[in-house]
Amino acid sequence: MDEHGPDSPGEAAMDRAAADEASVIPSPAERAERAEPPRDPFLVALGERARSLRARRGMTRRALSSASEVSERHLANLELGVGNASILVLRQVAQALGAPLAELIGDETTAGPEWLLIRDLLAGRDEDELRRARIALGDLFGESARAEARAGRIALVGLRGAGKSTLGRMLADALALPFVELNRELERVAGCSLAEIHGLLGPAAYRRYERRALEETIQLYPDAVIATPGGIVSDPATFNLLLAHCTTVWLKASPEEHMQRVVAQGDLRPMAGNQEAMDDLKRILAGRAAFYGRADRQVDTSGRSLGQAFDALREAVREATGR
C-alpha cells in the first residue's frame, strides 16, 4: 500500500516536477525545428577565402576590422559562412586585405598560387602584350593551328547587318573556296532551327551547339570562308577556338547602318520601339567591340557601296594571308 495514497501532496509535487521537466526538454520534432539551418555552400567557401586571405596577410580579425571599418562581429559571421555581406562590405574587406574583389568572391584565377603568379605577370600589360601572351600560350598547349592552316580559313566576325553573308559569299567565289554559314551548321548539328534552339532549349544549349558546329567546321574545311554569328564572342572558349584556327576579319559598321541593313533584309522587329532598339544595339556593339577587335584585320563598311566594301575586304585578306 502506498505510503501517501494516490492523491497525496508528495505525489502531486512529483507529477508537477515531471511536467516541468518535460516542458523544458524539447521533443525531436521541436529540436529539428530549432536546429540551425544548413549554411549556404557559397557563403561557407567565401568565409574560408576571407579567413585564408587574412591569414596570408598575417592580420588579426581586429586589425582587419580597423582597416576595413567593418565590425569584428560582422567579420566573424563572414568567416563562419553565416554572414550574407553586401557587395560594398566585401569590397571594403578586399581593399583592406590588399586583394582584388574577385579573389575574395572566388574567381577561377585565384584558385591557387600558380594562377595568382600568372595573373600578376599579366597585370598592367597593354593589349598587344596580352595578345602575344595569348598566342604564345596557345602555341605552348597545342591549341593554335599552324600559320598556313589559319590562312586557309577566313572567318568574318561582327554584328548582324555588317555584310558577313553577302561579302563572305563574294570572297569565297573570288578565292574559289567553300562558303560556310556557321548558323546553318549550327542548325544541322542541333537538328532544329535557331528559333527552336532559343525558344525551347535556351542560350546555354545554343552556345554548346555553336561550339560543336565550329569544331566540326574546322575539321571538315581546311580552306573556307566562314560567316560567324554575331554573338560568337560571347563565349571566350569558342572565340579562342576561332582565333586559333582562322584568319579573322571584323566587318564594322555604324549602329545606324547595322539597323538599316537588318530592316532591309526584311526583319522589321527592330522598328518596334525604334529608339529603344537603337539604344540596345549601341550597347551590344559597345560591349562586343573589344572582342571583335581581337580579329587579325578590321574593315569598316560604313558609307561604302557593296563593291567598295568588297574591295576593302579583299585587300585586308590579301595582307593577312597573302592570297
C-alpha atoms as a PDB file:
ATOM      1  CA  MET A   1       0.000   0.000   0.000  1.00  0.00           C
ATOM      2  CA  ASP A   2       1.307   3.465  -0.969  1.00  0.00           C
ATOM      3  CA  GLU A   3       2.533   5.482   1.960  1.00  0.00           C
ATOM      4  CA  HIS A   4       0.916   8.745   0.792  1.00  0.00           C
ATOM      5  CA  GLY A   5      -2.047   7.469  -1.178  1.00  0.00           C
ATOM      6  CA  PRO A   6      -2.921   8.260  -4.770  1.00  0.00           C
ATOM      7  CA  ASP A   7      -3.693  11.896  -4.161  1.00  0.00           C
ATOM      8  CA  SER A   8      -1.035  12.752  -1.623  1.00  0.00           C
ATOM      9  CA  PRO A   9       0.788  16.148  -1.788  1.00  0.00           C
ATOM     10  CA  GLY A  10       4.149  14.378  -2.400  1.00  0.00           C
ATOM     11  CA  GLU A  11       2.955  12.543  -5.485  1.00  0.00           C
ATOM     12  CA  ALA A  12       1.344  15.690  -6.860  1.00  0.00           C
ATOM     13  CA  ALA A  13       4.617  17.572  -6.447  1.00  0.00           C
ATOM     14  CA  MET A  14       6.471  14.818  -8.305  1.00  0.00           C
ATOM     15  CA  ASP A  15       3.945  14.987 -11.151  1.00  0.00           C
ATOM     16  CA  ARG A  16       4.401  18.748 -11.406  1.00  0.00           C
ATOM     17  CA  ALA A  17       8.196  18.397 -11.491  1.00  0.00           C
ATOM     18  CA  ALA A  18       7.977  15.785 -14.239  1.00  0.00           C
ATOM     19  CA  ALA A  19       5.663  18.013 -16.240  1.00  0.00           C
ATOM     20  CA  ASP A  20       8.000  20.954 -15.810  1.00  0.00           C
ATOM     21  CA  GLU A  21      10.983  18.867 -16.966  1.00  0.00           C
ATOM     22  CA  ALA A  22       9.066  17.611 -19.962  1.00  0.00           C
ATOM     23  CA  SER A  23       8.212  21.176 -20.899  1.00  0.00           C
ATOM     24  CA  VAL A  24      11.910  22.151 -20.774  1.00  0.00           C
ATOM     25  CA  ILE A  25      13.279  19.224 -22.825  1.00  0.00           C
ATOM     26  CA  PRO A  26      12.227  19.709 -26.488  1.00  0.00           C
ATOM     27  CA  SER A  27      10.826  16.808 -28.439  1.00  0.00           C
ATOM     28  CA  PRO A  28      12.738  15.512 -31.522  1.00  0.00           C
ATOM     29  CA  ALA A  29      10.356  17.466 -33.755  1.00  0.00           C
ATOM     30  CA  GLU A  30      10.940  20.635 -31.752  1.00  0.00           C
ATOM     31  CA  ARG A  31      14.710  20.105 -31.858  1.00  0.00           C
ATOM     32  CA  ALA A  32      14.537  19.767 -35.640  1.00  0.00           C
ATOM     33  CA  GLU A  33      12.560  22.998 -35.870  1.00  0.00           C
ATOM     34  CA  ARG A  34      15.052  24.819 -33.657  1.00  0.00           C
ATOM     35  CA  ALA A  35      18.101  23.407 -35.437  1.00  0.00           C
ATOM     36  CA  GLU A  36      20.348  25.904 -37.189  1.00  0.00           C
ATOM     37  CA  PRO A  37      19.547  25.967 -40.919  1.00  0.00           C
ATOM     38  CA  PRO A  38      22.233  24.465 -43.180  1.00  0.00           C
ATOM     39  CA  ARG A  39      24.816  27.010 -44.244  1.00  0.00           C
ATOM     40  CA  ASP A  40      24.943  28.015 -47.893  1.00  0.00           C
ATOM     41  CA  PRO A  41      27.999  26.371 -49.559  1.00  0.00           C
ATOM     42  CA  PHE A  42      28.865  29.594 -51.380  1.00  0.00           C
ATOM     43  CA  LEU A  43      28.894  31.594 -48.141  1.00  0.00           C
ATOM     44  CA  VAL A  44      30.955  28.888 -46.424  1.00  0.00           C
ATOM     45  CA  ALA A  45      33.535  28.973 -49.244  1.00  0.00           C
ATOM     46  CA  LEU A  46      33.502  32.780 -49.174  1.00  0.00           C
ATOM     47  CA  GLY A  47      34.219  32.710 -45.432  1.00  0.00           C
ATOM     48  CA  GLU A  48      37.074  30.271 -45.889  1.00  0.00           C
ATOM     49  CA  ARG A  49      38.650  32.507 -48.542  1.00  0.00           C
ATOM     50  CA  ALA A  50      38.308  35.553 -46.301  1.00  0.00           C
ATOM     51  CA  ARG A  51      39.936  33.686 -43.412  1.00  0.00           C
ATOM     52  CA  SER A  52      42.695  32.345 -45.680  1.00  0.00           C
ATOM     53  CA  LEU A  53      43.450  35.773 -47.125  1.00  0.00           C
ATOM     54  CA  ARG A  54      43.586  37.279 -43.649  1.00  0.00           C
ATOM     55  CA  ALA A  55      45.978  34.537 -42.519  1.00  0.00           C
ATOM     56  CA  ARG A  56      48.133  35.017 -45.620  1.00  0.00           C
ATOM     57  CA  ARG A  57      48.414  38.729 -44.807  1.00  0.00           C
ATOM     58  CA  GLY A  58      49.170  37.957 -41.155  1.00  0.00           C
ATOM     59  CA  MET A  59      46.297  40.133 -39.938  1.00  0.00           C
ATOM     60  CA  THR A  60      44.233  39.622 -36.827  1.00  0.00           C
ATOM     61  CA  ARG A  61      40.490  39.980 -37.126  1.00  0.00           C
ATOM     62  CA  ARG A  62      40.727  43.129 -35.033  1.00  0.00           C
ATOM     63  CA  ALA A  63      43.311  44.627 -37.393  1.00  0.00           C
ATOM     64  CA  LEU A  64      41.159  43.756 -40.401  1.00  0.00           C
ATOM     65  CA  SER A  65      38.141  45.286 -38.692  1.00  0.00           C
ATOM     66  CA  SER A  66      40.050  48.520 -38.141  1.00  0.00           C
ATOM     67  CA  ALA A  67      41.406  48.636 -41.703  1.00  0.00           C
ATOM     68  CA  SER A  68      38.101  47.796 -43.381  1.00  0.00           C
ATOM     69  CA  GLU A  69      35.794  49.682 -40.991  1.00  0.00           C
ATOM     70  CA  VAL A  70      33.699  46.514 -40.676  1.00  0.00           C
ATOM     71  CA  SER A  71      32.846  45.304 -37.176  1.00  0.00           C
ATOM     72  CA  GLU A  72      34.641  42.255 -35.756  1.00  0.00           C
ATOM     73  CA  ARG A  73      31.277  40.556 -35.260  1.00  0.00           C
ATOM     74  CA  HIS A  74      30.390  41.081 -38.909  1.00  0.00           C
ATOM     75  CA  LEU A  75      33.784  39.726 -39.958  1.00  0.00           C
ATOM     76  CA  ALA A  76      33.355  36.702 -37.682  1.00  0.00           C
ATOM     77  CA  ASN A  77      29.982  35.928 -39.263  1.00  0.00           C
ATOM     78  CA  LEU A  78      31.505  36.356 -42.716  1.00  0.00           C
ATOM     79  CA  GLU A  79      34.352  33.940 -41.954  1.00  0.00           C
ATOM     80  CA  LEU A  80      31.942  31.397 -40.441  1.00  0.00           C
ATOM     81  CA  GLY A  81      29.808  31.450 -43.573  1.00  0.00           C
ATOM     82  CA  VAL A  82      26.725  32.786 -41.816  1.00  0.00           C
ATOM     83  CA  GLY A  83      27.080  36.443 -42.758  1.00  0.00           C
ATOM     84  CA  ASN A  84      25.406  37.431 -46.022  1.00  0.00           C
ATOM     85  CA  ALA A  85      27.529  40.552 -46.514  1.00  0.00           C
ATOM     86  CA  SER A  86      26.664  43.216 -49.075  1.00  0.00           C
ATOM     87  CA  ILE A  87      28.908  43.746 -52.067  1.00  0.00           C
ATOM     88  CA  LEU A  88      30.054  47.061 -50.573  1.00  0.00           C
ATOM     89  CA  VAL A  89      31.188  45.346 -47.369  1.00  0.00           C
ATOM     90  CA  LEU A  90      33.026  42.704 -49.401  1.00  0.00           C
ATOM     91  CA  ARG A  91      34.750  45.459 -51.362  1.00  0.00           C
ATOM     92  CA  GLN A  92      35.860  47.123 -48.108  1.00  0.00           C
ATOM     93  CA  VAL A  93      37.224  43.817 -46.798  1.00  0.00           C
ATOM     94  CA  ALA A  94      39.031  43.057 -50.075  1.00  0.00           C
ATOM     95  CA  GLN A  95      40.623  46.510 -50.140  1.00  0.00           C
ATOM     96  CA  ALA A  96      41.768  46.144 -46.537  1.00  0.00           C
ATOM     97  CA  LEU A  97      43.305  42.771 -47.406  1.00  0.00           C
ATOM     98  CA  GLY A  98      45.031  44.237 -50.460  1.00  0.00           C
ATOM     99  CA  ALA A  99      43.330  41.705 -52.708  1.00  0.00           C
ATOM    100  CA  PRO A 100      41.097  42.049 -55.777  1.00  0.00           C
ATOM    101  CA  LEU A 101      37.410  41.614 -55.038  1.00  0.00           C
ATOM    102  CA  ALA A 102      37.420  38.675 -57.486  1.00  0.00           C
ATOM    103  CA  GLU A 103      39.889  36.824 -55.260  1.00  0.00           C
ATOM    104  CA  LEU A 104      37.599  37.137 -52.259  1.00  0.00           C
ATOM    105  CA  ILE A 105      34.491  36.116 -54.191  1.00  0.00           C
ATOM    106  CA  GLY A 106      36.239  33.149 -55.790  1.00  0.00           C
ATOM    107  CA  ASP A 107      37.246  33.842 -59.386  1.00  0.00           C
ATOM    108  CA  GLU A 108      38.992  30.889 -61.067  1.00  0.00           C
ATOM    109  CA  THR A 109      42.205  32.860 -61.442  1.00  0.00           C
ATOM    110  CA  THR A 110      42.539  32.883 -57.657  1.00  0.00           C
ATOM    111  CA  ALA A 111      42.319  29.105 -57.265  1.00  0.00           C
ATOM    112  CA  GLY A 112      45.979  28.512 -56.471  1.00  0.00           C
ATOM    113  CA  PRO A 113      49.471  30.025 -56.284  1.00  0.00           C
ATOM    114  CA  GLU A 114      50.301  29.453 -59.973  1.00  0.00           C
ATOM    115  CA  TRP A 115      47.118  31.190 -61.085  1.00  0.00           C
ATOM    116  CA  LEU A 116      47.934  34.144 -58.849  1.00  0.00           C
ATOM    117  CA  LEU A 117      51.551  34.334 -60.064  1.00  0.00           C
ATOM    118  CA  ILE A 118      50.482  34.180 -63.723  1.00  0.00           C
ATOM    119  CA  ARG A 119      47.848  36.825 -63.129  1.00  0.00           C
ATOM    120  CA  ASP A 120      50.446  39.064 -61.522  1.00  0.00           C
ATOM    121  CA  LEU A 121      52.722  38.656 -64.562  1.00  0.00           C
ATOM    122  CA  LEU A 122      49.894  39.769 -66.851  1.00  0.00           C
ATOM    123  CA  ALA A 123      48.698  42.638 -64.688  1.00  0.00           C
ATOM    124  CA  GLY A 124      49.320  46.034 -66.228  1.00  0.00           C
ATOM    125  CA  ARG A 125      50.202  44.702 -69.678  1.00  0.00           C
ATOM    126  CA  ASP A 126      48.806  46.503 -72.706  1.00  0.00           C
ATOM    127  CA  GLU A 127      46.515  44.858 -75.249  1.00  0.00           C
ATOM    128  CA  ASP A 128      49.307  43.993 -77.683  1.00  0.00           C
ATOM    129  CA  GLU A 129      51.370  42.295 -74.958  1.00  0.00           C
ATOM    130  CA  LEU A 130      48.324  40.330 -73.762  1.00  0.00           C
ATOM    131  CA  ARG A 131      47.588  39.239 -77.334  1.00  0.00           C
ATOM    132  CA  ARG A 132      51.138  37.952 -77.742  1.00  0.00           C
ATOM    133  CA  ALA A 133      50.843  36.120 -74.429  1.00  0.00           C
ATOM    134  CA  ARG A 134      47.571  34.501 -75.513  1.00  0.00           C
ATOM    135  CA  ILE A 135      49.075  33.347 -78.813  1.00  0.00           C
ATOM    136  CA  ALA A 136      52.196  32.020 -77.037  1.00  0.00           C
ATOM    137  CA  LEU A 137      50.028  30.056 -74.585  1.00  0.00           C
ATOM    138  CA  GLY A 138      48.011  28.655 -77.471  1.00  0.00           C
ATOM    139  CA  ASP A 139      51.212  27.505 -79.155  1.00  0.00           C
ATOM    140  CA  LEU A 140      52.564  26.076 -75.891  1.00  0.00           C
ATOM    141  CA  PHE A 141      49.484  23.961 -75.247  1.00  0.00           C
ATOM    142  CA  GLY A 142      48.901  22.953 -78.850  1.00  0.00           C
ATOM    143  CA  GLU A 143      45.653  24.919 -79.138  1.00  0.00           C
ATOM    144  CA  SER A 144      46.739  27.056 -82.107  1.00  0.00           C
ATOM    145  CA  ALA A 145      46.881  25.877 -85.690  1.00  0.00           C
ATOM    146  CA  ARG A 146      49.963  26.486 -87.835  1.00  0.00           C
ATOM    147  CA  ALA A 147      50.068  29.840 -89.627  1.00  0.00           C
ATOM    148  CA  GLU A 148      49.405  28.226 -93.017  1.00  0.00           C
ATOM    149  CA  ALA A 149      46.419  26.353 -91.599  1.00  0.00           C
ATOM    150  CA  ARG A 150      44.970  29.554 -90.171  1.00  0.00           C
ATOM    151  CA  ALA A 151      45.452  31.271 -93.525  1.00  0.00           C
ATOM    152  CA  GLY A 152      43.285  28.638 -95.199  1.00  0.00           C
ATOM    153  CA  ARG A 153      40.198  29.562 -93.189  1.00  0.00           C
ATOM    154  CA  ILE A 154      38.962  33.139 -93.292  1.00  0.00           C
ATOM    155  CA  ALA A 155      36.312  33.903 -90.674  1.00  0.00           C
ATOM    156  CA  LEU A 156      34.209  37.058 -90.748  1.00  0.00           C
ATOM    157  CA  VAL A 157      33.015  38.409 -87.399  1.00  0.00           C
ATOM    158  CA  GLY A 158      30.754  41.305 -86.464  1.00  0.00           C
ATOM    159  CA  LEU A 159      27.176  42.234 -85.683  1.00  0.00           C
ATOM    160  CA  ARG A 160      24.279  41.243 -87.870  1.00  0.00           C
ATOM    161  CA  GLY A 161      23.984  43.645 -90.789  1.00  0.00           C
ATOM    162  CA  ALA A 162      27.739  44.082 -91.233  1.00  0.00           C
ATOM    163  CA  GLY A 163      27.667  42.147 -94.508  1.00  0.00           C
ATOM    164  CA  LYS A 164      29.206  38.858 -93.389  1.00  0.00           C
ATOM    165  CA  SER A 165      26.965  36.678 -95.543  1.00  0.00           C
ATOM    166  CA  THR A 166      26.916  38.857 -98.669  1.00  0.00           C
ATOM    167  CA  LEU A 167      30.591  39.786 -98.620  1.00  0.00           C
ATOM    168  CA  GLY A 168      31.538  36.298 -97.443  1.00  0.00           C
ATOM    169  CA  ARG A 169      29.950  34.658-100.483  1.00  0.00           C
ATOM    170  CA  MET A 170      31.647  37.157-102.787  1.00  0.00           C
ATOM    171  CA  LEU A 171      35.013  36.497-101.145  1.00  0.00           C
ATOM    172  CA  ALA A 172      34.540  32.720-101.346  1.00  0.00           C
ATOM    173  CA  ASP A 173      33.752  32.985-105.060  1.00  0.00           C
ATOM    174  CA  ALA A 174      36.787  35.203-105.686  1.00  0.00           C
ATOM    175  CA  LEU A 175      39.106  32.784-103.873  1.00  0.00           C
ATOM    176  CA  ALA A 176      37.375  29.631-105.178  1.00  0.00           C
ATOM    177  CA  LEU A 177      36.734  28.458-101.619  1.00  0.00           C
ATOM    178  CA  PRO A 178      33.695  26.868 -99.953  1.00  0.00           C
ATOM    179  CA  PHE A 179      31.434  29.307 -98.141  1.00  0.00           C
ATOM    180  CA  VAL A 180      30.215  28.200 -94.694  1.00  0.00           C
ATOM    181  CA  GLU A 181      27.461  29.977 -92.794  1.00  0.00           C
ATOM    182  CA  LEU A 182      28.072  28.830 -89.228  1.00  0.00           C
ATOM    183  CA  ASN A 183      24.433  29.356 -88.244  1.00  0.00           C
ATOM    184  CA  ARG A 184      23.361  26.770 -90.835  1.00  0.00           C
ATOM    185  CA  GLU A 185      25.965  24.335 -89.494  1.00  0.00           C
ATOM    186  CA  LEU A 186      24.665  25.007 -86.004  1.00  0.00           C
ATOM    187  CA  GLU A 187      21.119  24.083 -87.086  1.00  0.00           C
ATOM    188  CA  ARG A 188      22.435  20.908 -88.713  1.00  0.00           C
ATOM    189  CA  VAL A 189      24.251  19.872 -85.551  1.00  0.00           C
ATOM    190  CA  ALA A 190      21.255  20.681 -83.339  1.00  0.00           C
ATOM    191  CA  GLY A 191      18.693  19.132 -85.687  1.00  0.00           C
ATOM    192  CA  CYS A 192      16.348  22.119 -85.335  1.00  0.00           C
ATOM    193  CA  SER A 193      16.072  25.793 -86.231  1.00  0.00           C
ATOM    194  CA  LEU A 194      17.731  28.680 -84.403  1.00  0.00           C
ATOM    195  CA  ALA A 195      14.326  29.879 -83.215  1.00  0.00           C
ATOM    196  CA  GLU A 196      13.610  26.457 -81.710  1.00  0.00           C
ATOM    197  CA  ILE A 197      17.000  26.331 -80.014  1.00  0.00           C
ATOM    198  CA  HIS A 198      16.497  29.762 -78.439  1.00  0.00           C
ATOM    199  CA  GLY A 199      12.824  29.229 -77.620  1.00  0.00           C
ATOM    200  CA  LEU A 200      12.928  25.661 -76.321  1.00  0.00           C
ATOM    201  CA  LEU A 201      16.480  24.940 -75.205  1.00  0.00           C
ATOM    202  CA  GLY A 202      17.838  28.313 -74.147  1.00  0.00           C
ATOM    203  CA  PRO A 203      21.122  30.215 -74.567  1.00  0.00           C
ATOM    204  CA  ALA A 204      23.327  27.624 -72.840  1.00  0.00           C
ATOM    205  CA  ALA A 205      22.287  24.962 -75.360  1.00  0.00           C
ATOM    206  CA  TYR A 206      22.803  27.421 -78.207  1.00  0.00           C
ATOM    207  CA  ARG A 207      26.388  28.074 -77.085  1.00  0.00           C
ATOM    208  CA  ARG A 208      27.097  24.309 -76.880  1.00  0.00           C
ATOM    209  CA  TYR A 209      25.823  23.727 -80.415  1.00  0.00           C
ATOM    210  CA  GLU A 210      27.729  26.776 -81.651  1.00  0.00           C
ATOM    211  CA  ARG A 211      30.970  25.343 -80.249  1.00  0.00           C
ATOM    212  CA  ARG A 212      30.316  21.927 -81.798  1.00  0.00           C
ATOM    213  CA  ALA A 213      29.440  23.479 -85.158  1.00  0.00           C
ATOM    214  CA  LEU A 214      32.704  25.438 -85.170  1.00  0.00           C
ATOM    215  CA  GLU A 215      34.742  22.379 -84.169  1.00  0.00           C
ATOM    216  CA  GLU A 216      33.208  20.320 -86.977  1.00  0.00           C
ATOM    217  CA  THR A 217      33.695  23.142 -89.490  1.00  0.00           C
ATOM    218  CA  ILE A 218      37.389  23.372 -88.607  1.00  0.00           C
ATOM    219  CA  GLN A 219      37.761  19.594 -89.019  1.00  0.00           C
ATOM    220  CA  LEU A 220      35.831  19.434 -92.297  1.00  0.00           C
ATOM    221  CA  TYR A 221      37.177  22.550 -94.042  1.00  0.00           C
ATOM    222  CA  PRO A 222      40.923  23.160 -94.205  1.00  0.00           C
ATOM    223  CA  ASP A 223      40.096  26.022 -96.592  1.00  0.00           C
ATOM    224  CA  ALA A 224      36.898  28.065 -96.424  1.00  0.00           C
ATOM    225  CA  VAL A 225      35.289  31.438 -95.879  1.00  0.00           C
ATOM    226  CA  ILE A 226      33.198  31.299 -92.712  1.00  0.00           C
ATOM    227  CA  ALA A 227      30.452  33.756 -91.720  1.00  0.00           C
ATOM    228  CA  THR A 228      30.069  33.589 -87.947  1.00  0.00           C
ATOM    229  CA  PRO A 229      27.099  34.543 -85.721  1.00  0.00           C
ATOM    230  CA  GLY A 230      27.370  37.986 -84.179  1.00  0.00           C
ATOM    231  CA  GLY A 231      27.352  36.591 -80.648  1.00  0.00           C
ATOM    232  CA  ILE A 232      30.241  34.150 -81.117  1.00  0.00           C
ATOM    233  CA  VAL A 233      32.382  36.474 -78.970  1.00  0.00           C
ATOM    234  CA  SER A 234      30.019  35.860 -76.024  1.00  0.00           C
ATOM    235  CA  ASP A 235      31.739  32.576 -75.208  1.00  0.00           C
ATOM    236  CA  PRO A 236      35.503  33.075 -74.698  1.00  0.00           C
ATOM    237  CA  ALA A 237      36.319  29.397 -75.300  1.00  0.00           C
ATOM    238  CA  THR A 238      34.541  29.344 -78.664  1.00  0.00           C
ATOM    239  CA  PHE A 239      36.038  32.672 -79.723  1.00  0.00           C
ATOM    240  CA  ASN A 240      39.509  31.464 -78.692  1.00  0.00           C
ATOM    241  CA  LEU A 241      38.999  28.419 -80.922  1.00  0.00           C
ATOM    242  CA  LEU A 242      38.044  30.672 -83.837  1.00  0.00           C
ATOM    243  CA  LEU A 243      41.059  32.966 -83.344  1.00  0.00           C
ATOM    244  CA  ALA A 244      43.420  30.000 -83.049  1.00  0.00           C
ATOM    245  CA  HIS A 245      42.297  28.243 -86.248  1.00  0.00           C
ATOM    246  CA  CYS A 246      41.175  31.016 -88.588  1.00  0.00           C
ATOM    247  CA  THR A 247      42.321  34.302 -90.021  1.00  0.00           C
ATOM    248  CA  THR A 248      39.653  36.628 -88.684  1.00  0.00           C
ATOM    249  CA  VAL A 249      38.285  39.862 -90.132  1.00  0.00           C
ATOM    250  CA  TRP A 250      35.936  42.173 -88.233  1.00  0.00           C
ATOM    251  CA  LEU A 251      33.393  43.761 -90.564  1.00  0.00           C
ATOM    252  CA  LYS A 252      32.434  47.017 -88.854  1.00  0.00           C
ATOM    253  CA  ALA A 253      29.585  49.446 -89.463  1.00  0.00           C
ATOM    254  CA  SER A 254      27.864  52.228 -87.590  1.00  0.00           C
ATOM    255  CA  PRO A 255      24.858  51.275 -85.432  1.00  0.00           C
ATOM    256  CA  GLU A 256      22.594  53.177 -87.824  1.00  0.00           C
ATOM    257  CA  GLU A 257      23.833  51.196 -90.828  1.00  0.00           C
ATOM    258  CA  HIS A 258      23.515  47.919 -88.926  1.00  0.00           C
ATOM    259  CA  MET A 259      19.891  48.764 -88.223  1.00  0.00           C
ATOM    260  CA  GLN A 260      19.150  49.864 -91.801  1.00  0.00           C
ATOM    261  CA  ARG A 261      20.612  46.679 -93.256  1.00  0.00           C
ATOM    262  CA  VAL A 262      18.713  44.405 -90.878  1.00  0.00           C
ATOM    263  CA  VAL A 263      15.458  46.137 -91.801  1.00  0.00           C
ATOM    264  CA  ALA A 264      16.372  45.951 -95.499  1.00  0.00           C
ATOM    265  CA  GLN A 265      16.726  42.187 -95.077  1.00  0.00           C
ATOM    266  CA  GLY A 266      13.031  42.111 -94.178  1.00  0.00           C
ATOM    267  CA  ASP A 267      13.309  41.956 -90.404  1.00  0.00           C
ATOM    268  CA  LEU A 268      11.013  44.730 -89.149  1.00  0.00           C
ATOM    269  CA  ARG A 269      11.227  43.740 -85.483  1.00  0.00           C
ATOM    270  CA  PRO A 270      13.915  46.326 -84.659  1.00  0.00           C
ATOM    271  CA  MET A 271      11.469  49.069 -85.634  1.00  0.00           C
ATOM    272  CA  ALA A 272       9.216  48.195 -82.685  1.00  0.00           C
ATOM    273  CA  GLY A 273      10.209  50.841 -80.150  1.00  0.00           C
ATOM    274  CA  ASN A 274      12.807  52.238 -82.544  1.00  0.00           C
ATOM    275  CA  GLN A 275      14.802  54.374 -80.104  1.00  0.00           C
ATOM    276  CA  GLU A 276      14.941  51.592 -77.531  1.00  0.00           C
ATOM    277  CA  ALA A 277      16.078  49.123 -80.191  1.00  0.00           C
ATOM    278  CA  MET A 278      18.798  51.527 -81.338  1.00  0.00           C
ATOM    279  CA  ASP A 279      19.980  52.039 -77.758  1.00  0.00           C
ATOM    280  CA  ASP A 280      20.138  48.252 -77.262  1.00  0.00           C
ATOM    281  CA  LEU A 281      22.093  47.876 -80.498  1.00  0.00           C
ATOM    282  CA  LYS A 282      24.604  50.515 -79.422  1.00  0.00           C
ATOM    283  CA  ARG A 283      25.076  48.809 -76.043  1.00  0.00           C
ATOM    284  CA  ILE A 284      25.619  45.424 -77.706  1.00  0.00           C
ATOM    285  CA  LEU A 285      28.136  46.891 -80.143  1.00  0.00           C
ATOM    286  CA  ALA A 286      29.971  48.694 -77.340  1.00  0.00           C
ATOM    287  CA  GLY A 287      30.061  45.524 -75.228  1.00  0.00           C
ATOM    288  CA  ARG A 288      31.406  43.366 -78.045  1.00  0.00           C
ATOM    289  CA  ALA A 289      33.760  45.815 -79.745  1.00  0.00           C
ATOM    290  CA  ALA A 290      36.740  44.920 -77.549  1.00  0.00           C
ATOM    291  CA  PHE A 291      36.352  41.247 -78.514  1.00  0.00           C
ATOM    292  CA  TYR A 292      35.730  41.883 -82.204  1.00  0.00           C
ATOM    293  CA  GLY A 293      38.871  43.991 -82.051  1.00  0.00           C
ATOM    294  CA  ARG A 294      40.948  40.845 -81.425  1.00  0.00           C
ATOM    295  CA  ALA A 295      40.452  39.926 -85.096  1.00  0.00           C
ATOM    296  CA  ASP A 296      43.505  39.917 -87.361  1.00  0.00           C
ATOM    297  CA  ARG A 297      42.071  42.657 -89.580  1.00  0.00           C
ATOM    298  CA  GLN A 298      39.238  45.201 -89.468  1.00  0.00           C
ATOM    299  CA  VAL A 299      37.195  46.512 -92.391  1.00  0.00           C
ATOM    300  CA  ASP A 300      34.773  49.401 -91.907  1.00  0.00           C
ATOM    301  CA  THR A 301      31.890  49.070 -94.364  1.00  0.00           C
ATOM    302  CA  SER A 302      30.100  52.257 -93.235  1.00  0.00           C
ATOM    303  CA  GLY A 303      29.264  54.612 -96.096  1.00  0.00           C
ATOM    304  CA  ARG A 304      30.682  52.230 -98.708  1.00  0.00           C
ATOM    305  CA  SER A 305      28.959  50.631-101.628  1.00  0.00           C
ATOM    306  CA  LEU A 306      28.940  46.854-101.851  1.00  0.00           C
ATOM    307  CA  GLY A 307      31.768  46.949-104.390  1.00  0.00           C
ATOM    308  CA  GLN A 308      33.870  49.291-102.276  1.00  0.00           C
ATOM    309  CA  ALA A 309      33.325  47.185 -99.147  1.00  0.00           C
ATOM    310  CA  PHE A 310      34.327  44.041-101.041  1.00  0.00           C
ATOM    311  CA  ASP A 311      37.489  45.662-102.391  1.00  0.00           C
ATOM    312  CA  ALA A 312      38.465  46.691 -98.849  1.00  0.00           C
ATOM    313  CA  LEU A 313      37.799  43.157 -97.563  1.00  0.00           C
ATOM    314  CA  ARG A 314      39.754  41.597-100.412  1.00  0.00           C
ATOM    315  CA  GLU A 315      42.743  43.823 -99.663  1.00  0.00           C
ATOM    316  CA  ALA A 316      42.611  43.042 -95.953  1.00  0.00           C
ATOM    317  CA  VAL A 317      42.581  39.291 -96.642  1.00  0.00           C
ATOM    318  CA  ARG A 318      45.464  39.654 -99.076  1.00  0.00           C
ATOM    319  CA  GLU A 319      47.502  41.477 -96.437  1.00  0.00           C
ATOM    320  CA  ALA A 320      46.712  38.908 -93.764  1.00  0.00           C
ATOM    321  CA  THR A 321      47.147  35.694 -95.773  1.00  0.00           C
ATOM    322  CA  GLY A 322      48.964  36.551 -98.992  1.00  0.00           C
ATOM    323  CA  ARG A 323      46.052  35.148-101.017  1.00  0.00           C
END
